[in-house]
Amino acid sequence: MALAAQARHLEHEVKAGRTDEVAVGFQLLEHYFARFVAEYPSAVERATNASAV
């Protein structure tokens, strides 16, 4: 959820012409994406195991 929220926020800022903090916002977006990539496989495994029971 944080990844999607940050992407939306960054998009709105850019569309509104507020680009002074885009670099920082993009770094935060990359952070959330890396966290998503790291956590996604275990989340899928938990969901798969839960439905198998």
C-alpha atoms as a PDB file:
ATOM      1  CA  MET A   1       0.000   0.000   0.000  1.00  0.00           C
ATOM      2  CA  ALA A   2       2.840   2.386   0.767  1.00  0.00           C
ATOM      3  CA  LEU A   3       4.278   1.820  -2.700  1.00  0.00           C
ATOM      4  CA  ALA A   4       0.996   2.699  -4.413  1.00  0.00           C
ATOM      5  CA  ALA A   5       0.409   5.694  -2.159  1.00  0.00           C
ATOM      6  CA  GLN A   6       3.877   7.082  -2.829  1.00  0.00           C
ATOM      7  CA  ALA A   7       3.488   6.582  -6.578  1.00  0.00           C
ATOM      8  CA  ARG A   8       0.159   8.453  -6.515  1.00  0.00           C
ATOM      9  CA  HIS A   9       1.611  11.245  -4.413  1.00  0.00           C
ATOM     10  CA  LEU A  10       4.617  11.629  -6.680  1.00  0.00           C
ATOM     11  CA  GLU A  11       2.411  11.640  -9.777  1.00  0.00           C
ATOM     12  CA  HIS A  12       0.159  14.346  -8.323  1.00  0.00           C
ATOM     13  CA  GLU A  13       3.138  16.484  -7.340  1.00  0.00           C
ATOM     14  CA  VAL A  14       4.649  16.275 -10.827  1.00  0.00           C
ATOM     15  CA  LYS A  15       1.329  16.979 -12.554  1.00  0.00           C
ATOM     16  CA  ALA A  16       0.859  20.014 -10.325  1.00  0.00           C
ATOM     17  CA  GLY A  17       4.295  21.296 -11.310  1.00  0.00           C
ATOM     18  CA  ARG A  18       5.772  20.826  -7.859  1.00  0.00           C
ATOM     19  CA  THR A  19       9.038  19.192  -8.876  1.00  0.00           C
ATOM     20  CA  ASP A  20      11.358  20.599  -6.225  1.00  0.00           C
ATOM     21  CA  GLU A  21      11.275  17.384  -4.174  1.00  0.00           C
ATOM     22  CA  VAL A  22      10.833  14.819  -6.956  1.00  0.00           C
ATOM     23  CA  ALA A  23      14.272  13.297  -6.400  1.00  0.00           C
ATOM     24  CA  VAL A  24      13.533  12.640  -2.726  1.00  0.00           C
ATOM     25  CA  GLY A  25      10.068  11.328  -3.559  1.00  0.00           C
ATOM     26  CA  PHE A  26      11.485   8.993  -6.177  1.00  0.00           C
ATOM     27  CA  GLN A  27      14.073   7.659  -3.726  1.00  0.00           C
ATOM     28  CA  LEU A  28      11.260   6.877  -1.314  1.00  0.00           C
ATOM     29  CA  LEU A  29       9.348   5.176  -4.128  1.00  0.00           C
ATOM     30  CA  GLU A  30      12.421   3.033  -4.880  1.00  0.00           C
ATOM     31  CA  HIS A  31      12.673   2.140  -1.188  1.00  0.00           C
ATOM     32  CA  TYR A  32       9.058   0.973  -1.068  1.00  0.00           C
ATOM     33  CA  PHE A  33       9.526  -0.978  -4.301  1.00  0.00           C
ATOM     34  CA  ALA A  34      12.598  -2.771  -2.934  1.00  0.00           C
ATOM     35  CA  ARG A  35      10.651  -3.650   0.203  1.00  0.00           C
ATOM     36  CA  PHE A  36       7.779  -4.964  -1.930  1.00  0.00           C
ATOM     37  CA  VAL A  37      10.139  -7.119  -4.016  1.00  0.00           C
ATOM     38  CA  ALA A  38      11.708  -8.529  -0.854  1.00  0.00           C
ATOM     39  CA  GLU A  39       8.402  -9.330   0.861  1.00  0.00           C
ATOM     40  CA  TYR A  40       6.260 -10.459  -2.089  1.00  0.00           C
ATOM     41  CA  PRO A  41       7.487 -14.084  -2.403  1.00  0.00           C
ATOM     42  CA  SER A  42       6.801 -14.879   1.249  1.00  0.00           C
ATOM     43  CA  ALA A  43       3.378 -13.205   1.074  1.00  0.00           C
ATOM     44  CA  VAL A  44       2.455 -15.343  -1.925  1.00  0.00           C
ATOM     45  CA  GLU A  45       3.709 -18.459  -0.166  1.00  0.00           C
ATOM     46  CA  ARG A  46       1.666 -17.667   2.964  1.00  0.00           C
ATOM     47  CA  ALA A  47      -1.441 -17.076   0.864  1.00  0.00           C
ATOM     48  CA  THR A  48      -0.903 -20.296  -1.073  1.00  0.00           C
ATOM     49  CA  ASN A  49      -0.365 -22.327   2.086  1.00  0.00           C
ATOM     50  CA  ALA A  50      -3.401 -20.805   3.778  1.00  0.00           C
ATOM     51  CA  SER A  51      -5.681 -21.726   0.881  1.00  0.00           C
ATOM     52  CA  ALA A  52      -4.309 -25.273   0.790  1.00  0.00           C
ATOM     53  CA  VAL A  53      -5.364 -25.941   4.389  1.00  0.00           C
END
